[in-house]
């Protein structure tokens, strides 16, 4: 009987999958949690975790509508924010009430972005990818897509 003590586990190139890193998903989710969720769905699909995709989509839908309800019922006067943006775009100076409403809305959006990013990365990503057995994908293509969509939506709206 022969033993090979130098035998190591050999991994094929197919054993590892290229996915977007947890950090990339966090930062994309921070700016727009739907975009970060799409990156996570792409990761799950590429890794073969197709049964984990519907809960992520359900979370994204519930979180989207929930965050819109939070903003709508937050007591922030959205008309003041719109007026402040219109005044500032024409080169004027917004009133203190307009600035206060704008900063409150920005702070609320940042808080919502952080919460969404943390849930996507600390719960969904960690649940599906508990080990660091993946190669991180470059994020240049998603960045270009996000910038393109941003400018297209700015031109259309």
Protein backbone atom coordinates (compact mmCIF):
# COMPACT_ATOMS: atom_id res chain seq x y z
CA UNK A 1 0.00 0.00 0.00
CA UNK A 2 1.45 3.29 -1.08
CA UNK A 3 0.77 6.69 0.52
CA UNK A 4 1.59 9.96 -1.09
CA UNK A 5 2.08 12.45 1.73
CA UNK A 6 2.71 15.33 -0.67
CA UNK A 7 -0.69 14.92 -2.22
CA UNK A 8 -2.54 18.22 -2.05
CA UNK A 9 -6.10 18.92 -2.94
CA UNK A 10 -6.06 19.97 -6.53
CA UNK A 11 -8.49 22.58 -7.61
CA UNK A 12 -9.60 22.91 -11.16
CA UNK A 13 -10.03 26.33 -12.65
CA UNK A 14 -13.78 25.67 -12.67
CA UNK A 15 -13.86 25.30 -8.87
CA UNK A 16 -13.60 29.07 -8.44
CA UNK A 17 -16.02 31.58 -9.84
CA UNK A 18 -15.47 35.21 -10.75
CA UNK A 19 -17.96 37.38 -8.86
CA UNK A 20 -18.22 40.99 -7.82
CA UNK A 21 -16.67 41.49 -4.40
CA UNK A 22 -18.54 42.27 -1.23
CA UNK A 23 -16.94 45.71 -1.19
CA UNK A 24 -18.10 46.45 -4.75
CA UNK A 25 -21.65 45.41 -3.92
CA UNK A 26 -21.61 47.57 -0.78
CA UNK A 27 -20.50 50.72 -2.60
CA UNK A 28 -22.83 50.23 -5.55
CA UNK A 29 -25.66 49.57 -3.07
CA UNK A 30 -24.73 52.65 -1.07
CA UNK A 31 -25.30 54.86 -4.10
CA UNK A 32 -28.20 52.83 -5.51
CA UNK A 33 -29.16 49.64 -3.71
CA UNK A 34 -31.02 48.35 -6.77
CA UNK A 35 -27.80 48.41 -8.77
CA UNK A 36 -25.96 46.65 -5.95
CA UNK A 37 -28.76 44.10 -5.79
CA UNK A 38 -28.43 43.46 -9.51
CA UNK A 39 -24.71 42.83 -9.05
CA UNK A 40 -25.49 40.38 -6.24
CA UNK A 41 -28.05 38.62 -8.46
CA UNK A 42 -25.42 38.34 -11.21
CA UNK A 43 -23.05 36.80 -8.61
CA UNK A 44 -25.66 34.31 -7.47
CA UNK A 45 -26.49 33.34 -11.05
CA UNK A 46 -22.84 32.90 -12.04
CA UNK A 47 -22.13 30.83 -8.92
CA UNK A 48 -25.13 28.59 -9.61
CA UNK A 49 -27.22 29.70 -6.62
CA UNK A 50 -30.37 30.27 -8.66
CA UNK A 51 -32.67 29.47 -5.72
CA UNK A 52 -31.18 32.37 -3.75
CA UNK A 53 -32.18 34.94 -6.39
CA UNK A 54 -35.94 35.30 -5.62
CA UNK A 55 -35.39 36.32 -1.97
CA UNK A 56 -32.96 39.03 -3.11
CA UNK A 57 -35.49 40.31 -5.67
CA UNK A 58 -38.23 40.25 -3.03
CA UNK A 59 -36.01 42.18 -0.60
CA UNK A 60 -35.20 44.75 -3.27
CA UNK A 61 -38.90 45.31 -4.05
CA UNK A 62 -39.95 45.56 -0.40
CA UNK A 63 -36.99 47.77 0.50
CA UNK A 64 -37.63 50.05 -2.49
CA UNK A 65 -41.27 50.62 -1.58
CA UNK A 66 -40.50 50.78 2.12
CA UNK A 67 -37.81 53.40 1.64
CA UNK A 68 -40.15 55.45 -0.54
CA UNK A 69 -42.78 55.30 2.22
CA UNK A 70 -40.20 56.38 4.79
CA UNK A 71 -39.25 59.37 2.65
CA UNK A 72 -42.91 60.23 1.93
CA UNK A 73 -43.93 60.09 5.60
CA UNK A 74 -40.72 61.55 7.05
CA UNK A 75 -42.19 65.01 7.38
CA UNK A 76 -39.62 66.50 5.02
CA UNK A 77 -41.27 69.03 2.74
CA UNK A 78 -40.26 67.72 -0.68
CA UNK A 79 -41.60 70.87 -2.35
CA UNK A 80 -38.93 72.87 -0.51
CA UNK A 81 -36.26 70.49 -1.83
CA UNK A 82 -37.52 70.83 -5.41
CA UNK A 83 -37.68 74.62 -5.03
CA UNK A 84 -34.13 74.68 -3.64
CA UNK A 85 -32.86 72.68 -6.61
CA UNK A 86 -34.67 74.95 -9.06
CA UNK A 87 -33.30 78.10 -7.39
CA UNK A 88 -29.76 76.68 -7.26
CA UNK A 89 -29.88 75.58 -10.91
CA UNK A 90 -30.70 79.16 -11.90
CA UNK A 91 -27.78 80.51 -9.89
CA UNK A 92 -29.83 81.76 -6.94
CA UNK A 93 -29.42 81.20 -3.23
CA UNK A 94 -31.88 78.78 -1.57
CA UNK A 95 -33.58 79.88 1.63
CA UNK A 96 -32.52 78.37 4.98
CA UNK A 97 -35.72 76.28 5.10
CA UNK A 98 -35.01 74.93 1.62
CA UNK A 99 -31.43 74.07 2.59
CA UNK A 100 -32.58 72.39 5.80
CA UNK A 101 -35.09 70.23 3.91
CA UNK A 102 -32.47 69.37 1.28
CA UNK A 103 -29.90 68.29 3.87
CA UNK A 104 -32.48 66.29 5.82
CA UNK A 105 -33.51 64.46 2.65
CA UNK A 106 -29.87 63.84 1.73
CA UNK A 107 -29.14 62.46 5.20
CA UNK A 108 -32.20 60.23 5.06
CA UNK A 109 -31.15 58.92 1.64
CA UNK A 110 -27.64 58.19 2.90
CA UNK A 111 -29.05 56.32 5.90
CA UNK A 112 -31.36 54.29 3.65
CA UNK A 113 -28.44 53.56 1.30
CA UNK A 114 -26.26 52.32 4.15
CA UNK A 115 -29.04 50.11 5.53
CA UNK A 116 -29.73 48.60 2.10
CA UNK A 117 -26.03 48.07 1.42
CA UNK A 118 -25.47 46.39 4.79
CA UNK A 119 -28.42 44.05 4.35
CA UNK A 120 -27.30 43.04 0.85
CA UNK A 121 -23.69 42.46 1.87
CA UNK A 122 -23.90 41.30 5.48
CA UNK A 123 -26.91 39.05 5.07
CA UNK A 124 -27.43 37.96 1.47
CA UNK A 125 -23.81 38.01 0.26
CA UNK A 126 -22.45 36.43 3.45
CA UNK A 127 -25.18 33.77 3.40
CA UNK A 128 -24.34 32.66 -0.15
CA UNK A 129 -20.59 33.27 -0.12
CA UNK A 130 -19.37 32.63 3.45
CA UNK A 131 -15.81 31.84 2.35
CA UNK A 132 -13.48 33.91 0.25
CA UNK A 133 -13.25 31.24 -2.43
CA UNK A 134 -13.85 33.50 -5.38
CA UNK A 135 -11.91 35.72 -7.69
CA UNK A 136 -13.19 39.30 -7.64
CA UNK A 137 -14.47 40.56 -10.96
CA UNK A 138 -13.33 43.96 -12.17
CA UNK A 139 -15.95 46.65 -11.65
CA UNK A 140 -15.15 48.88 -14.62
CA UNK A 141 -18.05 47.59 -16.71
CA UNK A 142 -20.69 48.12 -13.95
CA UNK A 143 -19.29 51.59 -13.29
CA UNK A 144 -19.62 52.49 -16.96
CA UNK A 145 -23.15 51.08 -17.07
CA UNK A 146 -24.11 53.05 -13.96
CA UNK A 147 -22.68 56.30 -15.34
CA UNK A 148 -24.39 55.73 -18.69
CA UNK A 149 -27.74 55.04 -17.05
CA UNK A 150 -27.32 58.10 -14.84
CA UNK A 151 -26.71 60.39 -17.80
CA UNK A 152 -29.48 58.81 -19.89
CA UNK A 153 -31.96 59.32 -17.07
CA UNK A 154 -30.78 62.90 -16.62
CA UNK A 155 -31.30 63.65 -20.31
CA UNK A 156 -34.69 61.93 -20.51
CA UNK A 157 -36.07 63.47 -17.31
